[in-house]
C-alpha atoms as a PDB file:
ATOM      1  CA  MET A   1     168.267  79.833 109.627  1.00  0.00           C
ATOM      2  CA  GLU A   2     170.903  82.402 109.297  1.00  0.00           C
ATOM      3  CA  LYS A   3     170.824  85.402 111.184  1.00  0.00           C
ATOM      4  CA  THR A   4     171.826  88.730 109.374  1.00  0.00           C
ATOM      5  CA  VAL A   5     174.631  90.877 111.235  1.00  0.00           C
ATOM      6  CA  SER A   6     174.636  94.732 111.075  1.00  0.00           C
ATOM      7  CA  GLY A   7     177.722  96.762 110.304  1.00  0.00           C
ATOM      8  CA  ASN A   8     178.758  96.727 114.219  1.00  0.00           C
ATOM      9  CA  GLY A   9     178.505  92.867 114.178  1.00  0.00           C
ATOM     10  CA  GLN A  10     175.439  92.825 116.314  1.00  0.00           C
ATOM     11  CA  PRO A  11     172.487  90.751 114.677  1.00  0.00           C
ATOM     12  CA  GLU A  12     169.855  92.788 113.016  1.00  0.00           C
ATOM     13  CA  GLN A  13     166.217  92.433 114.069  1.00  0.00           C
ATOM     14  CA  PRO A  14     163.484  91.710 111.505  1.00  0.00           C
ATOM     15  CA  GLY A  15     161.380  94.396 113.371  1.00  0.00           C
ATOM     16  CA  ARG A  16     163.948  97.244 112.399  1.00  0.00           C
ATOM     17  CA  ARG A  17     164.051  95.895 108.815  1.00  0.00           C
ATOM     18  CA  ARG A  18     160.303  95.733 108.466  1.00  0.00           C
ATOM     19  CA  MET A  19     159.940  99.278 110.104  1.00  0.00           C
ATOM     20  CA  LEU A  20     162.447 100.526 107.471  1.00  0.00           C
ATOM     21  CA  GLY A  21     160.622  99.022 104.435  1.00  0.00           C
ATOM     22  CA  PHE A  22     157.389 100.201 105.943  1.00  0.00           C
ATOM     23  CA  LEU A  23     158.753 104.010 105.961  1.00  0.00           C
ATOM     24  CA  VAL A  24     160.332 103.589 102.696  1.00  0.00           C
ATOM     25  CA  GLY A  25     157.245 102.329 100.970  1.00  0.00           C
ATOM     26  CA  SER A  26     155.148 105.120 102.744  1.00  0.00           C
ATOM     27  CA  GLY A  27     157.346 107.720 101.510  1.00  0.00           C
ATOM     28  CA  VAL A  28     157.319 106.414  98.034  1.00  0.00           C
ATOM     29  CA  MET A  29     153.661 106.278  98.102  1.00  0.00           C
ATOM     30  CA  ALA A  30     153.261 109.840  99.590  1.00  0.00           C
ATOM     31  CA  SER A  31     155.499 110.949  96.722  1.00  0.00           C
ATOM     32  CA  LEU A  32     153.423 109.431  93.930  1.00  0.00           C
ATOM     33  CA  ALA A  33     150.190 110.771  95.323  1.00  0.00           C
ATOM     34  CA  SER A  34     151.706 114.417  95.534  1.00  0.00           C
ATOM     35  CA  PHE A  35     152.490 113.913  91.695  1.00  0.00           C
ATOM     36  CA  VAL A  36     149.404 112.484  90.684  1.00  0.00           C
ATOM     37  CA  TYR A  37     147.004 114.499  92.457  1.00  0.00           C
ATOM     38  CA  PRO A  38     147.577 117.842  90.853  1.00  0.00           C
ATOM     39  CA  ILE A  39     147.421 116.201  87.458  1.00  0.00           C
ATOM     40  CA  LEU A  40     144.086 114.683  88.387  1.00  0.00           C
ATOM     41  CA  ARG A  41     142.728 117.975  89.658  1.00  0.00           C
ATOM     42  CA  PHE A  42     144.106 119.772  86.197  1.00  0.00           C
ATOM     43  CA  VAL A  43     142.470 116.987  83.856  1.00  0.00           C
ATOM     44  CA  LEU A  44     139.252 116.685  85.911  1.00  0.00           C
ATOM     45  CA  PRO A  45     136.842 119.643  85.831  1.00  0.00           C
ATOM     46  CA  PRO A  46     135.371 120.798  89.216  1.00  0.00           C
ATOM     47  CA  GLN A  47     131.847 120.511  89.812  1.00  0.00           C
ATOM     48  CA  SER A  48     130.147 123.639  88.668  1.00  0.00           C
ATOM     49  CA  GLY A  49     128.055 124.648  91.763  1.00  0.00           C
ATOM     50  CA  GLU A  50     126.248 127.137  89.574  1.00  0.00           C
ATOM     51  CA  LEU A  51     122.592 127.853  90.571  1.00  0.00           C
ATOM     52  CA  ASP A  52     120.331 128.169  87.598  1.00  0.00           C
ATOM     53  CA  ALA A  53     117.506 129.234  90.103  1.00  0.00           C
ATOM     54  CA  ASP A  54     116.625 132.509  91.117  1.00  0.00           C
ATOM     55  CA  THR A  55     119.128 134.007  94.100  1.00  0.00           C
ATOM     56  CA  VAL A  56     117.973 136.496  96.911  1.00  0.00           C
ATOM     57  CA  ALA A  57     120.304 139.037  96.412  1.00  0.00           C
ATOM     58  CA  ALA A  58     118.842 141.657  98.970  1.00  0.00           C
ATOM     59  CA  LYS A  59     115.669 142.822 100.816  1.00  0.00           C
ATOM     60  CA  ALA A  60     113.621 145.395  99.456  1.00  0.00           C
ATOM     61  CA  ASN A  61     114.725 148.884 100.857  1.00  0.00           C
ATOM     62  CA  GLU A  62     118.231 147.241 102.181  1.00  0.00           C
ATOM     63  CA  LEU A  63     120.122 149.358  99.779  1.00  0.00           C
ATOM     64  CA  ALA A  64     120.012 152.993  99.674  1.00  0.00           C
ATOM     65  CA  ALA A  65     120.117 154.633  96.165  1.00  0.00           C
ATOM     66  CA  ASN A  66     123.457 154.804  94.381  1.00  0.00           C
ATOM     67  CA  ALA A  67     124.831 151.825  96.762  1.00  0.00           C
ATOM     68  CA  ALA A  68     125.782 148.578  96.087  1.00  0.00           C
ATOM     69  CA  LYS A  69     126.218 144.892  97.547  1.00  0.00           C
ATOM     70  CA  ILE A  70     128.117 141.874  96.886  1.00  0.00           C
ATOM     71  CA  PHE A  71     126.100 138.542  96.988  1.00  0.00           C
ATOM     72  CA  ARG A  72     126.597 134.890  96.349  1.00  0.00           C
ATOM     73  CA  MET A  73     125.316 133.818  92.598  1.00  0.00           C
ATOM     74  CA  GLY A  74     126.041 130.112  92.809  1.00  0.00           C
ATOM     75  CA  ASN A  75     129.698 129.761  93.412  1.00  0.00           C
ATOM     76  CA  ARG A  76     130.870 133.157  92.262  1.00  0.00           C
ATOM     77  CA  PRO A  77     130.076 136.509  93.681  1.00  0.00           C
ATOM     78  CA  GLY A  78     127.522 138.920  92.087  1.00  0.00           C
ATOM     79  CA  ILE A  79     127.281 142.687  92.505  1.00  0.00           C
ATOM     80  CA  LEU A  80     123.501 144.380  92.965  1.00  0.00           C
ATOM     81  CA  ILE A  81     123.570 148.116  92.367  1.00  0.00           C
ATOM     82  CA  ARG A  82     120.680 150.517  93.051  1.00  0.00           C
ATOM     83  CA  MET A  83     120.705 153.333  90.890  1.00  0.00           C
ATOM     84  CA  VAL A  84     120.057 156.943  91.627  1.00  0.00           C
ATOM     85  CA  ASP A  85     116.480 156.428  90.250  1.00  0.00           C
ATOM     86  CA  GLY A  86     115.827 153.378  92.360  1.00  0.00           C
ATOM     87  CA  THR A  87     116.128 150.906  89.858  1.00  0.00           C
ATOM     88  CA  TYR A  88     118.438 147.745  90.310  1.00  0.00           C
ATOM     89  CA  ARG A  89     121.353 146.319  87.921  1.00  0.00           C
ATOM     90  CA  ALA A  90     123.123 143.068  88.870  1.00  0.00           C
ATOM     91  CA  PHE A  91     126.259 141.455  87.237  1.00  0.00           C
ATOM     92  CA  ALA A  92     128.819 139.033  87.720  1.00  0.00           C
ATOM     93  CA  ALA A  93     131.260 140.659  90.421  1.00  0.00           C
ATOM     94  CA  VAL A  94     134.173 138.937  88.655  1.00  0.00           C
ATOM     95  CA  CYS A  95     136.579 141.080  86.433  1.00  0.00           C
ATOM     96  CA  THR A  96     137.000 139.602  82.967  1.00  0.00           C
ATOM     97  CA  HIS A  97     140.746 140.331  83.142  1.00  0.00           C
ATOM     98  CA  LEU A  98     141.915 138.204  86.012  1.00  0.00           C
ATOM     99  CA  ASN A  99     138.958 137.021  87.897  1.00  0.00           C
ATOM    100  CA  CYS A 100     139.285 139.678  90.639  1.00  0.00           C
ATOM    101  CA  THR A 101     136.423 140.792  92.621  1.00  0.00           C
ATOM    102  CA  VAL A 102     135.060 144.204  91.250  1.00  0.00           C
ATOM    103  CA  GLN A 103     133.411 146.934  93.602  1.00  0.00           C
ATOM    104  CA  TYR A 104     131.041 149.693  93.134  1.00  0.00           C
ATOM    105  CA  ARG A 105     132.314 153.297  93.407  1.00  0.00           C
ATOM    106  CA  GLN A 106     129.613 155.549  94.566  1.00  0.00           C
ATOM    107  CA  SER A 107     131.631 158.959  93.699  1.00  0.00           C
ATOM    108  CA  GLU A 108     132.414 157.798  90.120  1.00  0.00           C
ATOM    109  CA  HIS A 109     129.190 155.952  89.454  1.00  0.00           C
ATOM    110  CA  ASP A 110     131.296 153.132  87.982  1.00  0.00           C
ATOM    111  CA  ILE A 111     132.223 149.510  88.750  1.00  0.00           C
ATOM    112  CA  TRP A 112     136.061 149.448  89.599  1.00  0.00           C
ATOM    113  CA  CYS A 113     138.614 146.456  89.742  1.00  0.00           C
ATOM    114  CA  ALA A 114     141.248 147.156  92.191  1.00  0.00           C
ATOM    115  CA  CYS A 115     143.775 144.486  90.856  1.00  0.00           C
ATOM    116  CA  HIS A 116     144.849 146.418  87.580  1.00  0.00           C
ATOM    117  CA  ASN A 117     142.578 149.600  87.773  1.00  0.00           C
ATOM    118  CA  GLY A 118     139.792 148.100  85.251  1.00  0.00           C
ATOM    119  CA  VAL A 119     136.716 150.244  85.047  1.00  0.00           C
ATOM    120  CA  TYR A 120     133.258 149.237  83.735  1.00  0.00           C
ATOM    121  CA  ASN A 121     130.225 151.503  83.132  1.00  0.00           C
ATOM    122  CA  LEU A 122     126.763 150.950  84.644  1.00  0.00           C
ATOM    123  CA  GLN A 123     125.845 148.787  82.017  1.00  0.00           C
ATOM    124  CA  GLY A 124     128.917 146.232  82.565  1.00  0.00           C
ATOM    125  CA  GLY A 125     130.759 147.610  79.569  1.00  0.00           C
ATOM    126  CA  VAL A 126     134.553 148.310  79.848  1.00  0.00           C
ATOM    127  CA  VAL A 127     135.496 152.101  80.001  1.00  0.00           C
ATOM    128  CA  SER A 128     139.201 151.620  80.644  1.00  0.00           C
ATOM    129  CA  GLY A 129     141.779 149.351  81.815  1.00  0.00           C
ATOM    130  CA  PRO A 130     142.959 145.640  80.766  1.00  0.00           C
ATOM    131  CA  PRO A 131     139.416 143.911  81.055  1.00  0.00           C
ATOM    132  CA  PRO A 132     138.840 142.426  77.525  1.00  0.00           C
ATOM    133  CA  LYS A 133     135.044 141.982  77.689  1.00  0.00           C
ATOM    134  CA  ALA A 134     132.055 143.285  79.629  1.00  0.00           C
ATOM    135  CA  LEU A 135     130.824 141.999  83.046  1.00  0.00           C
ATOM    136  CA  GLU A 136     128.124 139.310  82.852  1.00  0.00           C
ATOM    137  CA  GLN A 137     124.791 141.015  83.483  1.00  0.00           C
ATOM    138  CA  PHE A 138     121.960 139.424  85.067  1.00  0.00           C
ATOM    139  CA  GLU A 139     118.185 139.897  85.388  1.00  0.00           C
ATOM    140  CA  VAL A 140     116.729 141.645  88.404  1.00  0.00           C
ATOM    141  CA  HIS A 141     113.035 141.185  89.827  1.00  0.00           C
ATOM    142  CA  THR A 142     111.308 142.021  92.931  1.00  0.00           C
ATOM    143  CA  ARG A 143     109.184 139.441  94.495  1.00  0.00           C
ATOM    144  CA  GLY A 144     107.358 140.852  97.562  1.00  0.00           C
ATOM    145  CA  GLN A 145     110.236 142.098  99.988  1.00  0.00           C
ATOM    146  CA  GLU A 146     113.051 140.489  98.106  1.00  0.00           C
ATOM    147  CA  ILE A 147     115.426 141.600  95.293  1.00  0.00           C
ATOM    148  CA  ILE A 148     115.776 138.514  93.083  1.00  0.00           C
ATOM    149  CA  VAL A 149     118.602 137.858  90.709  1.00  0.00           C
ATOM    150  CA  SER A 150     118.372 135.385  87.817  1.00  0.00           C
ATOM    151  CA  LYS A 151     121.156 134.059  85.423  1.00  0.00           C
ATOM    152  CA  GLY A 152     119.331 135.147  82.343  1.00  0.00           C
ATOM    153  CA  SER A 153     120.953 138.241  80.401  1.00  0.00           C
ATOM    154  CA  ARG A 154     119.203 141.474  80.198  1.00  0.00           C
ATOM    155  CA  SER A 155     118.544 142.922  76.746  1.00  0.00           C
END
């Protein structure tokens, strides 16, 4: 059996070669994983997480008139607005332009996206700015002391 000799004339130990092979192989595998993972994330759609059931958005009398609250609707935020007359409206709180979270402006009585100054009216329609379409509107019901928001669109 021949012994391999390193560049300095000393016999090379098999442990070093095995370790070097392991490190190189691990590096190659990690590089392949870093290329394949983003491709798989792009090709395979994420699980929805959307809830078809009703969502409790707030407790009755939690919101004063002309106030709003952001709540969770499935895996997206929703916005519940209590109008001046005491009725409620609910929308997806995601701007239709670049998916920024919108907010209610009490003084202007509108829904505003701070990302690019998009403005929606209280029916969810676009007033100004870059949003291409209206906000998705949800149905609002009262059940006991809870304000319930459901996915069905209002007419």
